[in-house]
Amino acid sequence: MPLELESLVEYGPRRIIITLTAILCALLEVIDTTIVNVAINEMGGNLGCTIAEVSWVITAYAIGNVIVMPMTSWLSAQFGRRNYFAASIILFTVCSFLCGNATSINELILFRLLQGIGGGALLVTSQTIITESFPAADRGMAQAIYGLGIIVGPTLGPPLGGYLVDNYSWPYIFYINIPIGIVATILTLQFVRSPKYAEKTPIRNVDWWGIILLSVGIGSLQYVLEKGQEEDWFSSNSILICSVLAVFGFFFFIWRESVYKNPIVSFKVLKDFNLKIGTILSFVLGFGLYGSTFIVPLYTQSILGWTALQAGMLMLPASIATGLMMPVMGALLKKGTAPQYLVALGMFLFFIFSFWGYRIISPDTANTDFFWMLIVRGVGLALLFIPITNLALSKLQGQEIGQGAAFTGLMRQLGGSFGIAIINTLITRKTALHRSDIASHLTATDGTSMERINQMQHAFIGQGFSPEIALAKSYKLLDMGISKQAVILSYMDAFLYLGLMFLICVPFVLILLRNNKGNSHVDTSSAH
């Protein structure tokens, strides 16, 4: 097995081309998860549909992503990694063109689902290709390079989408993928190689029930996470039905894969302790990465009134900080630095970032107030991503690398979905609670409140309004102020709880990985 793994290691210009191709594809996929967010209103107006309907454009892409991710290693074995990777790029690119030319919301949703299926394969296969193109001793650096696309991508989506929508039109957020996809396809067919260790399953032995159960289970779960808050969770029949389907789908899928001779997802690889810990930490990483990418731009746009482009540009310096730290993390791991200390430090920095956000947000928070807070986030993400992904794949060989990458990629995506769903729900519920609490202190006997209303009423009267209309406007203005204050307090809660979650994780990381100290370093046996 080591010899077969070594045969996939590349050197010189060939490795550079393969690495750039894989990063480009991963970047394309991740950018498309967020680039659509800023074009929702334009798409709805152009296609004549509601915001709720057009939000399915985001949901369909996410469902396509998570359905295909666990099957990526098996599909690579069926068709050959190079062919499957190239086909996924082509599917992603063609669907990008079709999305831009969609004439109805149903067409757009269908094409986004297919684009997500192609994109999910790009994310996992890119990581596998990069990992196997480097000697085992340099896997930390390989993960650092791969991490550039994963961490920077979600940040680039909103400003890039905002620029294209403001200066062109919404279809261009899809058309931009086409030239890049064509180049990536040509480079893949020319340079990427398929491993010899992959075994193809005869068509009569394909685990069709496994594919169906996986699609039902994970697709239903993603729907619940995407639409739960919007449909008031379990008060909605569709959420309730999908929750039941997710539970039973996963239960029977795990049973099926455990007993079937040719499973589409092999759980045997999870016997590796490093991979098990890596998948759990990948979930936490996804929660923080996508959760923080969701909450900061949302706050700046909804409370501070920034444009999508301004909100996206705010996140850019932190992404640059992450990018600069990636090679440093790779070098530290290569020198034998214990990953548990890097992960623990990264989680502590993420706590600092979150607590910093809790302390500074207000109706008047300036651009400069966010700068160093987000730089801390960027450094923390670098400290988390590289050690976690390197740890997860450190002991795997051959086809196990692709299987391990599928598990970590899926858990990172699900962590992000859980993070966004929980933060969104927390903000909504806490806003209602804070509003009720603030309003309960404003009564007719409250001298301060009545004095403020009188001042506003006189100000409106001075503008020419009658006393009755001026009083109504004063109450409305006071109500808006209460609502805004309640929202700000709910964002403070979200920042605080996110930070506490990471702080609580720190001792568990140190204990778990310290007990596995002898197994937490990169396996270099195949590099000799």
Protein backbone atom coordinates (compact mmCIF):
# COMPACT_ATOMS: atom_id res chain seq x y z
CA MET A 1 0.00 0.00 0.00
CA PRO A 2 2.73 2.58 0.78
CA LEU A 3 4.23 2.06 -2.68
CA GLU A 4 0.88 2.72 -4.34
CA LEU A 5 0.44 5.85 -2.27
CA GLU A 6 3.93 7.00 -3.15
CA SER A 7 3.19 6.57 -6.86
CA LEU A 8 0.63 9.40 -6.63
CA VAL A 9 3.11 11.88 -5.15
CA GLU A 10 3.99 14.64 -7.61
CA TYR A 11 7.00 16.95 -7.81
CA GLY A 12 7.96 20.20 -9.50
CA PRO A 13 5.68 22.06 -11.94
CA ARG A 14 3.28 19.12 -12.23
CA ARG A 15 2.48 19.24 -8.50
CA ILE A 16 2.01 23.02 -8.70
CA ILE A 17 -0.48 22.71 -11.58
CA ILE A 18 -2.43 19.89 -9.90
CA THR A 19 -2.53 21.78 -6.59
CA LEU A 20 -3.70 25.02 -8.21
CA THR A 21 -6.38 23.15 -10.14
CA ALA A 22 -7.68 21.45 -6.98
CA ILE A 23 -7.65 24.71 -4.97
CA LEU A 24 -9.45 26.53 -7.77
CA CYS A 25 -12.20 23.90 -7.82
CA ALA A 26 -12.57 23.92 -4.02
CA LEU A 27 -12.68 27.72 -4.07
CA LEU A 28 -15.37 27.71 -6.77
CA GLU A 29 -17.54 25.36 -4.75
CA VAL A 30 -17.23 27.22 -1.45
CA ILE A 31 -17.75 30.66 -3.00
CA ASP A 32 -21.00 29.46 -4.55
CA THR A 33 -22.38 28.61 -1.10
CA THR A 34 -22.45 32.32 -0.19
CA ILE A 35 -22.30 34.29 -3.45
CA VAL A 36 -26.04 33.82 -4.05
CA ASN A 37 -27.04 35.33 -0.67
CA VAL A 38 -26.67 38.92 -1.87
CA ALA A 39 -28.69 38.37 -5.07
CA ILE A 40 -31.86 36.98 -3.46
CA ASN A 41 -33.93 40.16 -3.95
CA GLU A 42 -32.82 40.64 -7.57
CA MET A 43 -33.54 37.01 -8.48
CA GLY A 44 -36.97 37.14 -6.81
CA GLY A 45 -37.91 40.33 -8.64
CA ASN A 46 -36.65 39.08 -12.00
CA LEU A 47 -38.31 35.67 -11.76
CA GLY A 48 -41.52 36.94 -10.16
CA CYS A 49 -41.37 34.93 -6.93
CA THR A 50 -41.27 35.55 -3.20
CA ILE A 51 -38.17 35.68 -1.01
CA ALA A 52 -39.27 32.41 0.63
CA GLU A 53 -39.42 30.72 -2.78
CA VAL A 54 -36.10 32.06 -4.01
CA SER A 55 -34.39 31.03 -0.76
CA TRP A 56 -34.75 27.48 -2.07
CA VAL A 57 -31.92 28.37 -4.45
CA ILE A 58 -29.60 28.32 -1.41
CA THR A 59 -31.24 25.28 0.19
CA ALA A 60 -31.14 23.14 -2.96
CA TYR A 61 -27.41 23.75 -3.41
CA ALA A 62 -26.69 22.80 0.21
CA ILE A 63 -28.76 19.60 -0.07
CA GLY A 64 -26.93 18.58 -3.26
CA ASN A 65 -23.61 19.18 -1.49
CA VAL A 66 -24.24 17.04 1.55
CA ILE A 67 -25.90 14.16 -0.33
CA VAL A 68 -22.92 13.53 -2.62
CA MET A 69 -20.10 14.14 -0.12
CA PRO A 70 -20.20 10.76 1.67
CA MET A 71 -20.39 8.92 -1.68
CA THR A 72 -17.45 10.73 -3.27
CA SER A 73 -14.81 8.10 -2.48
CA TRP A 74 -17.04 5.30 -3.81
CA LEU A 75 -17.91 7.26 -6.97
CA SER A 76 -14.21 7.98 -7.57
CA ALA A 77 -13.56 4.23 -7.42
CA GLN A 78 -16.43 3.51 -9.81
CA PHE A 79 -15.42 5.91 -12.55
CA GLY A 80 -11.77 6.69 -11.79
CA ARG A 81 -10.79 9.75 -9.80
CA ARG A 82 -9.69 11.83 -12.80
CA ASN A 83 -12.84 11.06 -14.79
CA TYR A 84 -15.14 11.65 -11.82
CA PHE A 85 -13.40 14.90 -10.88
CA ALA A 86 -13.56 16.17 -14.47
CA ALA A 87 -17.23 15.12 -14.78
CA SER A 88 -18.04 16.97 -11.54
CA ILE A 89 -16.37 20.13 -12.83
CA ILE A 90 -18.29 19.84 -16.10
CA LEU A 91 -21.60 19.29 -14.25
CA PHE A 92 -20.87 22.27 -11.99
CA THR A 93 -19.93 24.48 -14.98
CA VAL A 94 -22.85 23.48 -17.22
CA CYS A 95 -25.31 23.98 -14.36
CA SER A 96 -23.78 27.41 -13.70
CA PHE A 97 -24.66 28.34 -17.28
CA LEU A 98 -28.16 26.88 -16.92
CA CYS A 99 -28.71 28.74 -13.61
CA GLY A 100 -27.84 32.02 -15.28
CA ASN A 101 -30.30 31.27 -18.10
CA ALA A 102 -33.14 29.97 -15.90
CA THR A 103 -36.52 31.47 -16.82
CA SER A 104 -38.44 30.27 -13.76
CA ILE A 105 -37.76 29.66 -10.10
CA ASN A 106 -38.35 25.91 -10.50
CA GLU A 107 -35.69 25.70 -13.22
CA LEU A 108 -33.24 27.66 -11.07
CA ILE A 109 -33.83 25.42 -8.03
CA LEU A 110 -33.34 22.24 -10.12
CA PHE A 111 -30.12 23.49 -11.68
CA ARG A 112 -28.80 24.62 -8.29
CA LEU A 113 -29.47 21.14 -6.88
CA LEU A 114 -27.46 19.58 -9.74
CA GLN A 115 -24.76 22.23 -9.32
CA GLY A 116 -24.56 21.33 -5.63
CA ILE A 117 -24.12 17.64 -6.50
CA GLY A 118 -21.18 18.53 -8.74
CA GLY A 119 -19.81 20.99 -6.17
CA GLY A 120 -19.87 18.55 -3.23
CA ALA A 121 -17.64 16.20 -5.20
CA LEU A 122 -15.20 19.04 -5.96
CA LEU A 123 -14.73 19.85 -2.30
CA VAL A 124 -13.86 16.35 -1.10
CA THR A 125 -11.94 15.18 -4.18
CA SER A 126 -9.82 18.35 -4.19
CA GLN A 127 -8.65 17.59 -0.65
CA THR A 128 -7.84 13.98 -1.56
CA ILE A 129 -5.90 14.99 -4.68
CA ILE A 130 -3.84 17.60 -2.82
CA THR A 131 -3.14 15.26 0.11
CA GLU A 132 -1.91 12.43 -2.11
CA SER A 133 0.16 14.75 -4.32
CA PHE A 134 2.44 15.52 -1.35
CA PRO A 135 4.71 13.09 0.53
CA ALA A 136 3.18 11.92 3.82
CA ALA A 137 5.70 13.99 5.79
CA ASP A 138 4.37 17.15 4.11
CA ARG A 139 0.67 16.54 4.66
CA GLY A 140 0.46 19.47 7.08
CA MET A 141 1.60 21.79 4.29
CA ALA A 142 -0.82 20.09 1.88
CA GLN A 143 -3.73 20.79 4.23
CA ALA A 144 -2.53 24.38 4.63
CA ILE A 145 -2.73 24.88 0.87
CA TYR A 146 -6.17 23.24 0.68
CA GLY A 147 -7.35 25.33 3.62
CA LEU A 148 -6.79 28.56 1.69
CA GLY A 149 -9.78 27.78 -0.52
CA ILE A 150 -12.01 26.51 2.29
CA ILE A 151 -11.46 29.43 4.67
CA VAL A 152 -11.23 32.28 2.12
CA GLY A 153 -14.10 31.06 -0.08
CA PRO A 154 -17.08 31.87 2.19
CA THR A 155 -15.66 35.35 2.76
CA LEU A 156 -15.15 36.13 -0.93
CA GLY A 157 -18.71 35.13 -1.90
CA PRO A 158 -20.71 38.14 -0.60
CA PRO A 159 -18.39 40.96 -1.84
CA LEU A 160 -17.91 39.26 -5.21
CA GLY A 161 -21.65 38.65 -5.53
CA GLY A 162 -22.41 42.21 -4.44
CA TYR A 163 -20.01 43.64 -7.04
CA LEU A 164 -21.45 41.53 -9.87
CA VAL A 165 -25.07 42.31 -8.96
CA ASP A 166 -24.41 46.05 -8.55
CA ASN A 167 -22.43 46.41 -11.77
CA TYR A 168 -23.97 43.76 -14.03
CA SER A 169 -26.92 41.49 -13.15
CA TRP A 170 -27.59 38.39 -11.03
CA PRO A 171 -26.90 35.78 -13.79
CA TYR A 172 -23.24 36.85 -13.75
CA ILE A 173 -22.76 35.33 -10.29
CA PHE A 174 -23.15 32.01 -12.15
CA TYR A 175 -21.49 32.94 -15.46
CA ILE A 176 -18.23 33.78 -13.67
CA ASN A 177 -17.79 30.04 -13.01
CA ILE A 178 -17.79 29.09 -16.69
CA PRO A 179 -14.29 30.13 -17.88
CA ILE A 180 -12.72 28.87 -14.66
CA GLY A 181 -14.56 25.57 -14.99
CA ILE A 182 -13.39 25.09 -18.57
CA VAL A 183 -9.75 25.68 -17.65
CA ALA A 184 -10.03 23.41 -14.59
CA THR A 185 -11.53 20.60 -16.71
CA ILE A 186 -8.70 20.76 -19.26
CA LEU A 187 -6.02 20.78 -16.55
CA THR A 188 -7.70 17.87 -14.72
CA LEU A 189 -7.82 15.67 -17.82
CA GLN A 190 -4.22 16.53 -18.62
CA PHE A 191 -2.53 16.23 -15.22
CA VAL A 192 -4.64 14.50 -12.56
CA ARG A 193 -4.05 10.76 -12.18
CA SER A 194 -6.37 8.06 -10.87
CA PRO A 195 -5.11 5.72 -8.12
CA LYS A 196 -4.61 2.04 -8.90
CA TYR A 197 -5.83 0.82 -5.51
CA ALA A 198 -9.49 1.72 -6.11
CA GLU A 199 -11.77 -1.28 -6.72
CA LYS A 200 -14.83 -0.90 -8.96
CA THR A 201 -18.09 -2.43 -7.77
CA PRO A 202 -19.96 -4.49 -10.45
CA ILE A 203 -23.26 -2.83 -11.39
CA ARG A 204 -25.25 -5.79 -10.03
CA ASN A 205 -23.64 -5.32 -6.60
CA VAL A 206 -24.13 -1.56 -6.33
CA ASP A 207 -25.71 -0.59 -3.00
CA TRP A 208 -28.78 1.16 -4.41
CA TRP A 209 -30.64 0.99 -1.10
CA GLY A 210 -27.67 2.61 0.61
CA ILE A 211 -27.75 5.48 -1.91
CA ILE A 212 -31.51 5.95 -1.40
CA LEU A 213 -31.31 5.85 2.41
CA LEU A 214 -28.35 8.25 2.47
CA SER A 215 -30.11 10.69 0.15
CA VAL A 216 -33.31 10.59 2.22
CA GLY A 217 -31.55 10.86 5.58
CA ILE A 218 -29.04 13.57 4.85
CA GLY A 219 -31.25 15.50 2.44
CA SER A 220 -34.04 15.64 5.05
CA LEU A 221 -31.62 16.74 7.77
CA GLN A 222 -30.27 19.54 5.59
CA TYR A 223 -33.83 20.68 4.79
CA VAL A 224 -34.67 20.80 8.51
CA LEU A 225 -31.58 22.88 9.26
CA GLU A 226 -32.12 25.26 6.33
CA LYS A 227 -35.86 25.79 6.78
CA GLY A 228 -36.44 25.06 10.48
CA GLN A 229 -36.50 28.61 11.83
CA GLU A 230 -38.36 29.95 8.80
CA GLU A 231 -41.18 27.41 9.33
CA ASP A 232 -41.13 27.62 13.17
CA TRP A 233 -39.48 24.23 13.59
CA PHE A 234 -41.71 21.40 14.83
CA SER A 235 -44.93 23.36 14.58
CA SER A 236 -44.53 22.78 10.83
CA ASN A 237 -45.68 19.44 9.38
CA SER A 238 -42.95 19.49 6.72
CA ILE A 239 -40.22 19.96 9.34
CA LEU A 240 -41.73 17.22 11.49
CA ILE A 241 -41.94 14.77 8.57
CA CYS A 242 -38.39 15.54 7.41
CA SER A 243 -37.08 15.11 10.96
CA VAL A 244 -38.63 11.64 11.13
CA LEU A 245 -37.24 10.79 7.68
CA ALA A 246 -33.78 11.99 8.75
CA VAL A 247 -33.75 9.84 11.90
CA PHE A 248 -34.99 6.66 10.22
CA GLY A 249 -32.97 7.33 7.07
CA PHE A 250 -29.72 7.55 9.04
CA PHE A 251 -30.60 4.59 11.26
CA PHE A 252 -31.29 2.22 8.37
CA PHE A 253 -28.40 3.63 6.32
CA ILE A 254 -25.88 2.91 9.08
CA TRP A 255 -27.34 -0.59 9.53
CA ARG A 256 -27.26 -1.22 5.77
CA GLU A 257 -23.65 -0.08 5.35
CA SER A 258 -22.59 -2.21 8.33
CA VAL A 259 -23.92 -5.47 6.87
CA TYR A 260 -23.71 -4.99 3.08
CA LYS A 261 -20.76 -6.52 1.26
CA ASN A 262 -20.11 -3.52 -1.03
CA PRO A 263 -21.17 -0.40 0.92
CA ILE A 264 -21.07 3.02 -0.72
CA VAL A 265 -19.74 4.47 2.55
CA SER A 266 -17.26 2.43 4.55
CA PHE A 267 -17.48 3.01 8.31
CA LYS A 268 -14.43 0.81 8.88
CA VAL A 269 -12.17 3.79 8.32
CA LEU A 270 -13.67 5.39 11.46
CA LYS A 271 -11.86 2.79 13.56
CA ASP A 272 -8.91 5.15 13.28
CA PHE A 273 -8.91 7.23 16.49
CA ASN A 274 -7.41 10.30 14.81
CA LEU A 275 -10.13 10.33 12.15
CA LYS A 276 -12.89 9.97 14.75
CA ILE A 277 -11.56 12.93 16.72
CA GLY A 278 -10.92 14.83 13.49
CA THR A 279 -14.52 14.44 12.31
CA ILE A 280 -15.86 15.73 15.65
CA LEU A 281 -13.50 18.71 15.59
CA SER A 282 -14.40 19.34 11.91
CA PHE A 283 -18.02 19.73 13.00
CA VAL A 284 -16.97 22.30 15.64
CA LEU A 285 -14.79 24.07 13.06
CA GLY A 286 -17.67 24.25 10.57
CA PHE A 287 -19.95 25.59 13.29
CA GLY A 288 -17.53 28.43 14.04
CA LEU A 289 -16.45 29.12 10.45
CA TYR A 290 -19.90 29.35 8.87
CA GLY A 291 -21.61 30.60 12.02
CA SER A 292 -19.28 33.59 12.33
CA THR A 293 -19.36 34.20 8.56
CA PHE A 294 -23.16 34.37 8.94
CA ILE A 295 -23.49 36.52 12.05
CA VAL A 296 -20.99 39.34 11.34
CA PRO A 297 -22.25 40.35 7.85
CA LEU A 298 -25.86 39.92 8.99
CA TYR A 299 -25.31 42.32 11.89
CA THR A 300 -23.55 44.95 9.80
CA GLN A 301 -26.25 44.86 7.13
CA SER A 302 -29.38 44.58 9.30
CA ILE A 303 -28.34 46.90 12.15
CA LEU A 304 -25.65 49.19 10.75
CA GLY A 305 -27.17 49.47 7.26
CA TRP A 306 -24.11 48.40 5.29
CA THR A 307 -24.28 47.06 1.76
CA ALA A 308 -23.37 43.44 0.97
CA LEU A 309 -20.15 44.64 -0.64
CA GLN A 310 -19.16 46.64 2.46
CA ALA A 311 -19.98 43.71 4.75
CA GLY A 312 -17.99 41.31 2.60
CA MET A 313 -14.96 43.60 2.39
CA LEU A 314 -14.97 43.83 6.18
CA MET A 315 -14.18 40.10 6.35
CA LEU A 316 -11.40 40.22 3.76
CA PRO A 317 -8.43 41.28 5.99
CA ALA A 318 -9.19 38.39 8.34
CA SER A 319 -9.13 35.98 5.39
CA ILE A 320 -5.75 37.35 4.36
CA ALA A 321 -4.52 36.81 7.93
CA THR A 322 -5.73 33.21 7.72
CA GLY A 323 -3.96 32.73 4.41
CA LEU A 324 -0.69 34.09 5.78
CA MET A 325 -0.91 31.80 8.80
CA MET A 326 -1.60 28.63 6.79
CA PRO A 327 2.00 27.96 5.70
CA VAL A 328 3.18 28.73 9.25
CA MET A 329 0.83 26.05 10.61
CA GLY A 330 2.03 23.57 7.99
CA ALA A 331 5.67 24.23 8.93
CA LEU A 332 4.95 23.88 12.68
CA LEU A 333 3.25 20.52 12.15
CA LYS A 334 6.11 19.31 9.96
CA LYS A 335 8.52 20.14 12.79
CA GLY A 336 6.48 17.95 15.15
CA THR A 337 4.46 20.53 17.07
CA ALA A 338 1.69 18.75 19.00
CA PRO A 339 -1.61 19.47 17.22
CA GLN A 340 -3.63 19.49 20.44
CA TYR A 341 -1.91 22.69 21.58
CA LEU A 342 -2.53 24.41 18.24
CA VAL A 343 -6.21 23.37 18.23
CA ALA A 344 -6.67 24.45 21.86
CA LEU A 345 -5.04 27.82 21.14
CA GLY A 346 -7.21 28.24 18.04
CA MET A 347 -10.37 27.58 20.06
CA PHE A 348 -9.26 30.02 22.75
CA LEU A 349 -8.63 32.69 20.09
CA PHE A 350 -12.09 32.02 18.70
CA PHE A 351 -13.47 32.59 22.20
CA ILE A 352 -11.58 35.92 22.35
CA PHE A 353 -13.01 36.91 18.95
CA SER A 354 -16.56 36.08 20.06
CA PHE A 355 -16.25 37.78 23.45
CA TRP A 356 -14.73 40.82 21.71
CA GLY A 357 -17.78 40.94 19.45
CA TYR A 358 -20.04 40.65 22.49
CA ARG A 359 -18.35 43.71 24.03
CA ILE A 360 -18.15 46.07 21.04
CA ILE A 361 -21.38 45.72 19.07
CA SER A 362 -23.72 48.68 19.30
CA PRO A 363 -25.81 50.80 16.90
CA ASP A 364 -22.69 52.92 16.31
CA THR A 365 -19.98 50.26 15.90
CA ALA A 366 -17.50 51.50 13.28
CA ASN A 367 -15.59 49.62 10.61
CA THR A 368 -12.32 50.06 12.51
CA ASP A 369 -13.85 48.52 15.66
CA PHE A 370 -14.20 45.18 13.86
CA PHE A 371 -10.70 45.05 12.34
CA TRP A 372 -8.56 43.48 15.08
CA MET A 373 -11.44 41.37 16.33
CA LEU A 374 -11.71 39.73 12.89
CA ILE A 375 -7.92 39.38 12.59
CA VAL A 376 -8.04 37.29 15.78
CA ARG A 377 -10.76 35.18 14.14
CA GLY A 378 -8.61 34.70 11.05
CA VAL A 379 -5.60 33.53 13.04
CA GLY A 380 -7.82 31.26 15.15
CA LEU A 381 -9.28 29.59 12.05
CA ALA A 382 -5.79 28.84 10.72
CA LEU A 383 -4.84 27.30 14.06
CA LEU A 384 -7.95 25.13 13.89
CA PHE A 385 -8.19 24.09 10.25
CA ILE A 386 -4.70 22.79 9.54
CA PRO A 387 -4.12 20.72 12.70
CA ILE A 388 -7.66 19.27 12.58
CA THR A 389 -7.57 18.18 8.93
CA ASN A 390 -3.98 16.98 9.22
CA LEU A 391 -4.81 15.01 12.38
CA ALA A 392 -7.86 13.41 10.78
CA LEU A 393 -5.94 12.10 7.74
CA SER A 394 -2.55 11.53 9.38
CA LYS A 395 -2.79 7.74 9.74
CA LEU A 396 -4.78 6.96 6.61
CA GLN A 397 -3.37 5.26 3.53
CA GLY A 398 -4.50 4.85 -0.06
CA GLN A 399 -8.28 4.80 -0.57
CA GLU A 400 -8.79 5.53 3.14
CA ILE A 401 -7.65 9.12 2.51
CA GLY A 402 -10.61 9.79 0.23
CA GLN A 403 -12.99 8.11 2.66
CA GLY A 404 -11.60 10.14 5.56
CA ALA A 405 -11.77 13.39 3.57
CA ALA A 406 -15.43 12.65 2.79
CA PHE A 407 -16.26 12.27 6.50
CA THR A 408 -14.41 15.43 7.57
CA GLY A 409 -15.85 17.46 4.67
CA LEU A 410 -19.38 16.31 5.42
CA MET A 411 -19.05 17.05 9.14
CA ARG A 412 -17.62 20.50 8.42
CA GLN A 413 -20.59 21.29 6.15
CA LEU A 414 -23.12 19.91 8.63
CA GLY A 415 -21.42 21.84 11.43
CA GLY A 416 -21.90 25.00 9.37
CA SER A 417 -25.56 24.18 8.75
CA PHE A 418 -26.15 23.51 12.45
CA GLY A 419 -24.26 26.70 13.34
CA ILE A 420 -26.32 28.93 11.06
CA ALA A 421 -29.60 27.27 12.08
CA ILE A 422 -28.89 27.55 15.82
CA ILE A 423 -27.58 31.13 15.64
CA ASN A 424 -30.53 32.22 13.50
CA THR A 425 -32.99 30.60 15.90
CA LEU A 426 -31.20 32.05 18.94
CA ILE A 427 -31.30 35.57 17.52
CA THR A 428 -35.01 35.28 16.66
CA ARG A 429 -36.04 33.83 20.02
CA LYS A 430 -33.82 36.12 22.09
CA THR A 431 -35.05 39.18 20.21
CA ALA A 432 -38.64 38.39 21.24
CA LEU A 433 -37.58 37.84 24.88
CA HIS A 434 -35.51 41.03 25.07
CA ARG A 435 -38.26 43.06 23.42
CA SER A 436 -40.79 41.78 25.95
CA ASP A 437 -38.42 42.50 28.83
CA ILE A 438 -37.63 46.06 27.67
CA ALA A 439 -41.29 46.85 26.96
CA SER A 440 -42.32 45.64 30.43
CA HIS A 441 -40.26 48.46 31.97
CA LEU A 442 -41.90 51.16 29.83
CA THR A 443 -45.20 52.13 31.47
CA ALA A 444 -47.33 55.22 31.79
CA THR A 445 -45.92 55.71 35.30
CA ASP A 446 -42.34 55.64 34.01
CA GLY A 447 -41.34 59.31 34.11
CA THR A 448 -38.28 58.92 31.89
CA SER A 449 -40.21 57.19 29.10
CA MET A 450 -43.07 59.70 29.18
CA GLU A 451 -40.62 62.60 29.12
CA ARG A 452 -38.93 61.09 26.05
CA ILE A 453 -42.29 60.65 24.31
CA ASN A 454 -43.23 64.25 25.09
CA GLN A 455 -39.94 65.48 23.65
CA MET A 456 -40.48 63.51 20.43
CA GLN A 457 -44.09 64.70 20.21
CA HIS A 458 -43.04 68.34 20.48
CA ALA A 459 -40.36 67.74 17.84
CA PHE A 460 -42.94 66.34 15.42
CA ILE A 461 -45.36 69.18 16.20
CA GLY A 462 -42.54 71.56 15.35
CA GLN A 463 -42.35 69.86 11.94
CA GLY A 464 -46.01 70.70 11.28
CA PHE A 465 -47.82 67.54 12.46
CA SER A 466 -51.00 67.69 14.56
CA PRO A 467 -50.65 66.68 18.25
CA GLU A 468 -52.48 63.38 17.65
CA ILE A 469 -50.32 62.37 14.66
CA ALA A 470 -47.19 63.60 16.45
CA LEU A 471 -48.02 61.41 19.47
CA ALA A 472 -48.63 58.35 17.22
CA LYS A 473 -45.32 58.91 15.46
CA SER A 474 -43.56 59.27 18.82
CA TYR A 475 -44.90 55.90 20.00
CA LYS A 476 -43.95 54.28 16.71
CA LEU A 477 -40.41 55.71 16.93
CA LEU A 478 -40.11 54.47 20.50
CA ASP A 479 -41.32 51.01 19.39
CA MET A 480 -38.69 50.92 16.63
CA GLY A 481 -36.04 51.86 19.18
CA ILE A 482 -37.15 49.02 21.47
CA SER A 483 -37.03 46.54 18.56
CA LYS A 484 -33.55 47.64 17.53
CA GLN A 485 -32.23 47.42 21.09
CA ALA A 486 -33.74 43.93 21.44
CA VAL A 487 -32.03 42.77 18.23
CA ILE A 488 -28.67 44.17 19.39
CA LEU A 489 -28.99 42.34 22.72
CA SER A 490 -29.81 39.10 20.87
CA TYR A 491 -26.67 39.46 18.74
CA MET A 492 -24.67 40.02 21.92
CA ASP A 493 -26.09 36.74 23.26
CA ALA A 494 -25.19 34.94 20.03
CA PHE A 495 -21.58 36.16 20.18
CA LEU A 496 -21.30 35.22 23.84
CA TYR A 497 -22.74 31.71 23.47
CA LEU A 498 -20.59 31.01 20.40
CA GLY A 499 -17.49 32.01 22.35
CA LEU A 500 -18.44 29.94 25.40
CA MET A 501 -18.93 26.87 23.21
CA PHE A 502 -15.34 27.13 21.98
CA LEU A 503 -14.00 27.88 25.46
CA ILE A 504 -15.69 24.74 26.83
CA CYS A 505 -14.10 22.67 24.05
CA VAL A 506 -10.53 23.67 25.01
CA PRO A 507 -10.01 21.28 27.98
CA PHE A 508 -11.67 18.40 26.12
CA VAL A 509 -9.27 18.84 23.19
CA LEU A 510 -6.25 18.87 25.49
CA ILE A 511 -7.42 15.78 27.40
CA LEU A 512 -8.47 13.72 24.35
CA LEU A 513 -5.44 14.43 22.22
CA ARG A 514 -2.96 14.26 25.12
CA ASN A 515 -4.14 10.72 25.81
CA ASN A 516 -3.47 9.96 22.15
CA LYS A 517 -0.16 11.82 22.02
CA GLY A 518 1.71 8.99 20.43
CA ASN A 519 -0.73 8.78 17.54
CA SER A 520 -1.28 12.45 16.80
CA HIS A 521 1.71 13.09 14.57
CA VAL A 522 1.92 12.60 10.87
CA ASP A 523 2.77 9.13 9.63
CA THR A 524 5.88 9.41 7.51
CA SER A 525 6.37 5.73 6.80
CA SER A 526 5.35 6.01 3.19
CA ALA A 527 7.76 8.86 2.54
CA HIS A 528 10.85 6.67 2.79
